Amino acid sequence: MSIRHGLLALLERGPRYGSQLRTEFESRTGSTWPLNVGQVYTTLSRLERDGLV
């Protein structure tokens, strides 16, 4: 799973702030895949650019 796919899966449940996405992503991966908030916002920008969010 990539960060991109993980964030898309979380966004299926509805809109979230970047910090919420980061917290939920880390919670669901057991904190074995830590994210910084910059990664989240960069990925969200790319998802928006690609018309996915």
Protein backbone atom coordinates (compact mmCIF):
# COMPACT_ATOMS: atom_id res chain seq x y z
CA MET A 1 0.00 0.00 0.00
CA SER A 2 1.22 3.48 -0.78
CA ILE A 3 0.54 6.69 1.14
CA ARG A 4 -1.60 7.77 -1.79
CA HIS A 5 -3.82 4.69 -1.59
CA GLY A 6 -3.98 4.82 2.20
CA LEU A 7 -5.14 8.43 2.18
CA LEU A 8 -7.70 7.73 -0.55
CA ALA A 9 -9.11 4.88 1.54
CA LEU A 10 -9.43 7.18 4.56
CA LEU A 11 -11.05 9.92 2.49
CA GLU A 12 -13.74 7.49 1.30
CA ARG A 13 -15.32 7.98 4.73
CA GLY A 14 -15.56 11.73 4.22
CA PRO A 15 -13.49 14.91 4.34
CA ARG A 16 -10.68 15.20 6.88
CA TYR A 17 -8.00 17.70 7.79
CA GLY A 18 -4.41 16.73 7.04
CA SER A 19 -3.57 16.24 10.70
CA GLN A 20 -6.60 13.96 11.11
CA LEU A 21 -5.49 11.90 8.12
CA ARG A 22 -1.99 11.58 9.54
CA THR A 23 -3.25 10.45 12.94
CA GLU A 24 -5.72 7.95 11.49
CA PHE A 25 -3.18 6.59 8.97
CA GLU A 26 -0.61 6.00 11.71
CA SER A 27 -3.25 4.46 13.97
CA ARG A 28 -4.34 2.02 11.29
CA THR A 29 -0.78 1.03 10.37
CA GLY A 30 0.17 0.55 14.01
CA SER A 31 2.60 3.48 13.79
CA THR A 32 4.93 1.26 11.76
CA TRP A 33 4.62 3.74 8.90
CA PRO A 34 5.07 7.21 10.42
CA LEU A 35 4.09 10.19 8.29
CA ASN A 36 4.96 13.82 8.65
CA VAL A 37 2.23 16.30 7.91
CA GLY A 38 4.19 17.59 4.90
CA GLN A 39 3.88 14.19 3.22
CA VAL A 40 0.15 14.25 3.80
CA TYR A 41 -0.36 17.68 2.25
CA THR A 42 1.96 16.93 -0.68
CA THR A 43 0.02 13.74 -1.39
CA LEU A 44 -3.33 15.56 -1.05
CA SER A 45 -2.15 18.19 -3.54
CA ARG A 46 -1.23 15.48 -6.03
CA LEU A 47 -4.55 13.71 -5.53
CA GLU A 48 -6.33 16.99 -6.20
CA ARG A 49 -4.18 17.67 -9.26
CA ASP A 50 -5.08 14.23 -10.60
CA GLY A 51 -8.79 14.84 -10.00
CA LEU A 52 -9.12 12.14 -7.35
CA VAL A 53 -10.26 14.38 -4.48
